[in-house]
Amino acid sequence: MAIPVPVTPPERWFAGIYGRGPEGIWFAPGRVNLMGGPDYTEVFVLPFALGSGVAAAAARRPDRRIALVSRQAPGEPIVVDIDTLEPGSVSGWAAYPAGVAWALREAGYLAGGADVAIDADLPAGAGCPGPRPITPSRPRSRQAPPVPA
C-alpha cells in the first residue's frame, strides 16, 4: 500500500516559488471520450470531464516577461520575453503554454507579464489528453476572474 504524499496547496506552492501569492487559480478538467475517436475526425464523440485536470496559478508582473514553472517538471522557472516570443522559440514542456501566450499576444490580448505555476493530477501515459487542459486554463488566467479554490 502506497503512503499518500501531502501536496502543497497551489497558493502556498506559488508563493514559495515567486515570493508572493497568486492573483487567481484556474482549473481545466481532463477529458475522456466514452464513445468515438478523436473529435477532429468528424465522427460522433461522447466526451466527459474528469475530476483530474490542470490548474494554473498566476499573478501579474510589471514587465513584459512570463515566468513558467510546473510541478511535474521541477526546476527554475522558464522566463520568456513576450515581445520576442515566436513559434519554436521555447522547447520542452513550456512550449505549449508559451504558445498560448504567443497566440494571445498576436490577438492583442496580452498586455503585460505574468508569473505562472502549472500543476496537473492527470495520470501520465493513461491516454488522457495532457496538454489540452492547459489551453483553457492559461488564457483564462490572463482574462477572467478566478474560480474559487
C-alpha atoms as a PDB file:
ATOM      1  CA  MET A   1       0.000   0.000   0.000  1.00  0.00           C
ATOM      2  CA  ALA A   2       1.355   3.390  -1.015  1.00  0.00           C
ATOM      3  CA  ILE A   3       1.602   6.101   1.601  1.00  0.00           C
ATOM      4  CA  PRO A   4      -0.067   9.307   0.348  1.00  0.00           C
ATOM      5  CA  VAL A   5       2.351  12.186  -0.077  1.00  0.00           C
ATOM      6  CA  PRO A   6       0.919  15.523   1.076  1.00  0.00           C
ATOM      7  CA  VAL A   7       0.724  18.062  -1.728  1.00  0.00           C
ATOM      8  CA  THR A   8       1.336  21.717  -1.028  1.00  0.00           C
ATOM      9  CA  PRO A   9      -1.792  23.757  -1.827  1.00  0.00           C
ATOM     10  CA  PRO A  10      -1.374  25.769  -5.065  1.00  0.00           C
ATOM     11  CA  GLU A  11      -1.325  29.173  -3.389  1.00  0.00           C
ATOM     12  CA  ARG A  12       1.445  28.115  -0.967  1.00  0.00           C
ATOM     13  CA  TRP A  13       3.415  26.399  -3.738  1.00  0.00           C
ATOM     14  CA  PHE A  14       3.157  29.539  -5.916  1.00  0.00           C
ATOM     15  CA  ALA A  15       4.226  31.772  -3.010  1.00  0.00           C
ATOM     16  CA  GLY A  16       7.202  29.511  -2.309  1.00  0.00           C
ATOM     17  CA  ILE A  17       8.419  29.959  -5.879  1.00  0.00           C
ATOM     18  CA  TYR A  18       7.587  33.603  -6.597  1.00  0.00           C
ATOM     19  CA  GLY A  19       7.650  35.102  -3.090  1.00  0.00           C
ATOM     20  CA  ARG A  20       4.024  36.299  -3.214  1.00  0.00           C
ATOM     21  CA  GLY A  21       0.569  34.813  -3.580  1.00  0.00           C
ATOM     22  CA  PRO A  22      -1.203  34.267  -6.888  1.00  0.00           C
ATOM     23  CA  GLU A  23      -3.961  36.626  -8.022  1.00  0.00           C
ATOM     24  CA  GLY A  24      -6.018  33.628  -9.046  1.00  0.00           C
ATOM     25  CA  ILE A  25      -6.090  29.893  -9.579  1.00  0.00           C
ATOM     26  CA  TRP A  26      -7.856  28.371 -12.581  1.00  0.00           C
ATOM     27  CA  PHE A  27      -8.695  24.732 -13.282  1.00  0.00           C
ATOM     28  CA  ALA A  28      -9.431  22.892 -16.535  1.00  0.00           C
ATOM     29  CA  PRO A  29     -10.588  19.277 -16.257  1.00  0.00           C
ATOM     30  CA  GLY A  30      -9.095  16.442 -18.262  1.00  0.00           C
ATOM     31  CA  ARG A  31     -11.338  14.709 -20.754  1.00  0.00           C
ATOM     32  CA  VAL A  32     -12.017  11.154 -21.842  1.00  0.00           C
ATOM     33  CA  ASN A  33     -14.039  10.054 -24.851  1.00  0.00           C
ATOM     34  CA  LEU A  34     -16.517   7.444 -23.675  1.00  0.00           C
ATOM     35  CA  MET A  35     -17.510   6.768 -27.276  1.00  0.00           C
ATOM     36  CA  GLY A  36     -15.933   7.632 -30.601  1.00  0.00           C
ATOM     37  CA  GLY A  37     -12.479   8.659 -31.619  1.00  0.00           C
ATOM     38  CA  PRO A  38     -10.695  11.970 -31.736  1.00  0.00           C
ATOM     39  CA  ASP A  39     -13.179  14.791 -32.241  1.00  0.00           C
ATOM     40  CA  TYR A  40     -11.298  16.089 -35.308  1.00  0.00           C
ATOM     41  CA  THR A  41     -12.359  13.022 -37.366  1.00  0.00           C
ATOM     42  CA  GLU A  42     -15.928  14.366 -37.662  1.00  0.00           C
ATOM     43  CA  VAL A  43     -17.482  11.240 -36.113  1.00  0.00           C
ATOM     44  CA  PHE A  44     -19.843  11.255 -33.153  1.00  0.00           C
ATOM     45  CA  VAL A  45     -17.938  11.583 -29.899  1.00  0.00           C
ATOM     46  CA  LEU A  46     -19.217  11.403 -26.330  1.00  0.00           C
ATOM     47  CA  PRO A  47     -16.598  13.093 -24.136  1.00  0.00           C
ATOM     48  CA  PHE A  48     -16.872  13.629 -20.412  1.00  0.00           C
ATOM     49  CA  ALA A  49     -14.840  15.674 -17.963  1.00  0.00           C
ATOM     50  CA  LEU A  50     -12.662  14.084 -15.310  1.00  0.00           C
ATOM     51  CA  GLY A  51     -12.170  15.182 -11.739  1.00  0.00           C
ATOM     52  CA  SER A  52      -8.458  15.362 -12.542  1.00  0.00           C
ATOM     53  CA  GLY A  53      -7.025  18.108 -14.683  1.00  0.00           C
ATOM     54  CA  VAL A  54      -4.625  21.027 -14.933  1.00  0.00           C
ATOM     55  CA  ALA A  55      -4.502  24.030 -12.607  1.00  0.00           C
ATOM     56  CA  ALA A  56      -2.755  27.321 -13.327  1.00  0.00           C
ATOM     57  CA  ALA A  57      -1.973  29.816 -10.564  1.00  0.00           C
ATOM     58  CA  ALA A  58      -0.938  33.223 -11.849  1.00  0.00           C
ATOM     59  CA  ALA A  59      -0.148  36.800 -10.897  1.00  0.00           C
ATOM     60  CA  ARG A  60       0.680  39.827 -12.991  1.00  0.00           C
ATOM     61  CA  ARG A  61       4.215  41.154 -13.157  1.00  0.00           C
ATOM     62  CA  PRO A  62       5.230  44.709 -14.067  1.00  0.00           C
ATOM     63  CA  ASP A  63       7.482  43.791 -17.002  1.00  0.00           C
ATOM     64  CA  ARG A  64       6.709  42.103 -20.328  1.00  0.00           C
ATOM     65  CA  ARG A  65       8.014  38.680 -19.305  1.00  0.00           C
ATOM     66  CA  ILE A  66       6.255  35.423 -18.485  1.00  0.00           C
ATOM     67  CA  ALA A  67       7.761  33.050 -15.942  1.00  0.00           C
ATOM     68  CA  LEU A  68       6.517  29.452 -16.206  1.00  0.00           C
ATOM     69  CA  VAL A  69       7.035  26.668 -13.703  1.00  0.00           C
ATOM     70  CA  SER A  70       5.473  23.205 -13.498  1.00  0.00           C
ATOM     71  CA  ARG A  71       5.250  20.880 -10.527  1.00  0.00           C
ATOM     72  CA  GLN A  72       5.691  17.997 -12.990  1.00  0.00           C
ATOM     73  CA  ALA A  73       8.977  19.443 -14.349  1.00  0.00           C
ATOM     74  CA  PRO A  74      10.940  20.575 -11.288  1.00  0.00           C
ATOM     75  CA  GLY A  75      13.480  23.310 -11.741  1.00  0.00           C
ATOM     76  CA  GLU A  76      13.809  27.036 -12.030  1.00  0.00           C
ATOM     77  CA  PRO A  77      11.041  28.998 -13.794  1.00  0.00           C
ATOM     78  CA  ILE A  78      11.407  29.321 -17.549  1.00  0.00           C
ATOM     79  CA  VAL A  79      11.292  33.053 -18.295  1.00  0.00           C
ATOM     80  CA  VAL A  80      10.145  34.241 -21.716  1.00  0.00           C
ATOM     81  CA  ASP A  81      10.100  37.790 -23.088  1.00  0.00           C
ATOM     82  CA  ILE A  82       6.649  38.492 -24.553  1.00  0.00           C
ATOM     83  CA  ASP A  83       7.970  40.795 -27.277  1.00  0.00           C
ATOM     84  CA  THR A  84      10.457  38.263 -28.681  1.00  0.00           C
ATOM     85  CA  LEU A  85       8.251  35.180 -28.295  1.00  0.00           C
ATOM     86  CA  GLU A  86       7.885  33.287 -31.592  1.00  0.00           C
ATOM     87  CA  PRO A  87       6.736  29.770 -32.524  1.00  0.00           C
ATOM     88  CA  GLY A  88       9.573  27.348 -31.812  1.00  0.00           C
ATOM     89  CA  SER A  89      11.478  29.752 -29.538  1.00  0.00           C
ATOM     90  CA  VAL A  90      10.634  27.720 -26.409  1.00  0.00           C
ATOM     91  CA  SER A  91      11.192  23.973 -26.145  1.00  0.00           C
ATOM     92  CA  GLY A  92      10.165  21.221 -23.755  1.00  0.00           C
ATOM     93  CA  TRP A  93       7.091  21.296 -21.535  1.00  0.00           C
ATOM     94  CA  ALA A  94       6.961  25.137 -21.537  1.00  0.00           C
ATOM     95  CA  ALA A  95       6.462  25.308 -25.327  1.00  0.00           C
ATOM     96  CA  TYR A  96       2.726  24.684 -25.039  1.00  0.00           C
ATOM     97  CA  PRO A  97       1.875  27.446 -22.506  1.00  0.00           C
ATOM     98  CA  ALA A  98       4.361  29.776 -24.248  1.00  0.00           C
ATOM     99  CA  GLY A  99       2.479  29.097 -27.493  1.00  0.00           C
ATOM    100  CA  VAL A 100      -0.768  30.116 -25.810  1.00  0.00           C
ATOM    101  CA  ALA A 101       0.923  33.339 -24.648  1.00  0.00           C
ATOM    102  CA  TRP A 102       2.149  33.966 -28.213  1.00  0.00           C
ATOM    103  CA  ALA A 103      -1.383  33.472 -29.611  1.00  0.00           C
ATOM    104  CA  LEU A 104      -2.824  35.866 -27.009  1.00  0.00           C
ATOM    105  CA  ARG A 105      -0.177  38.456 -27.881  1.00  0.00           C
ATOM    106  CA  GLU A 106      -0.861  38.111 -31.605  1.00  0.00           C
ATOM    107  CA  ALA A 107      -4.600  38.566 -30.966  1.00  0.00           C
ATOM    108  CA  GLY A 108      -3.956  41.698 -28.876  1.00  0.00           C
ATOM    109  CA  TYR A 109      -4.985  40.213 -25.525  1.00  0.00           C
ATOM    110  CA  LEU A 110      -1.630  40.025 -23.760  1.00  0.00           C
ATOM    111  CA  ALA A 111      -0.914  43.413 -22.196  1.00  0.00           C
ATOM    112  CA  GLY A 112       1.734  42.520 -19.618  1.00  0.00           C
ATOM    113  CA  GLY A 113       3.814  39.854 -17.974  1.00  0.00           C
ATOM    114  CA  ALA A 114       2.823  37.117 -15.551  1.00  0.00           C
ATOM    115  CA  ASP A 115       4.214  34.575 -13.133  1.00  0.00           C
ATOM    116  CA  VAL A 116       2.505  31.234 -13.788  1.00  0.00           C
ATOM    117  CA  ALA A 117       2.676  27.946 -11.906  1.00  0.00           C
ATOM    118  CA  ILE A 118       1.106  24.901 -13.563  1.00  0.00           C
ATOM    119  CA  ASP A 119       0.140  21.683 -11.799  1.00  0.00           C
ATOM    120  CA  ALA A 120      -1.690  18.600 -13.056  1.00  0.00           C
ATOM    121  CA  ASP A 121      -3.050  15.465 -11.492  1.00  0.00           C
ATOM    122  CA  LEU A 122      -3.840  13.665 -14.740  1.00  0.00           C
ATOM    123  CA  PRO A 123      -2.331  10.170 -14.849  1.00  0.00           C
ATOM    124  CA  ALA A 124       0.799  10.278 -17.027  1.00  0.00           C
ATOM    125  CA  GLY A 125       0.568   7.981 -20.039  1.00  0.00           C
ATOM    126  CA  ALA A 126      -3.003   6.899 -19.311  1.00  0.00           C
ATOM    127  CA  GLY A 127      -4.418   8.229 -22.578  1.00  0.00           C
ATOM    128  CA  CYS A 128      -5.888  11.393 -21.064  1.00  0.00           C
ATOM    129  CA  PRO A 129      -5.190  14.421 -23.254  1.00  0.00           C
ATOM    130  CA  GLY A 130      -2.363  16.043 -21.334  1.00  0.00           C
ATOM    131  CA  PRO A 131      -1.651  19.416 -22.922  1.00  0.00           C
ATOM    132  CA  ARG A 132      -5.231  20.182 -23.958  1.00  0.00           C
ATOM    133  CA  PRO A 133      -6.412  21.305 -20.495  1.00  0.00           C
ATOM    134  CA  ILE A 134      -3.536  23.800 -20.351  1.00  0.00           C
ATOM    135  CA  THR A 135      -5.096  25.708 -23.234  1.00  0.00           C
ATOM    136  CA  PRO A 136      -8.265  26.851 -21.438  1.00  0.00           C
ATOM    137  CA  SER A 137      -6.635  27.318 -18.035  1.00  0.00           C
ATOM    138  CA  ARG A 138      -3.767  29.522 -19.270  1.00  0.00           C
ATOM    139  CA  PRO A 139      -5.699  32.173 -21.243  1.00  0.00           C
ATOM    140  CA  ARG A 140      -8.360  32.364 -18.560  1.00  0.00           C
ATOM    141  CA  SER A 141      -5.632  33.150 -16.081  1.00  0.00           C
ATOM    142  CA  ARG A 142      -4.943  36.333 -18.074  1.00  0.00           C
ATOM    143  CA  GLN A 143      -8.521  37.433 -18.732  1.00  0.00           C
ATOM    144  CA  ALA A 144     -11.163  36.110 -16.359  1.00  0.00           C
ATOM    145  CA  PRO A 145     -11.784  36.223 -12.628  1.00  0.00           C
ATOM    146  CA  PRO A 146     -10.561  33.109 -10.800  1.00  0.00           C
ATOM    147  CA  VAL A 147     -12.660  30.122  -9.913  1.00  0.00           C
ATOM    148  CA  PRO A 148     -12.748  29.773  -6.121  1.00  0.00           C
ATOM    149  CA  ALA A 149     -10.164  27.205  -4.999  1.00  0.00           C
END
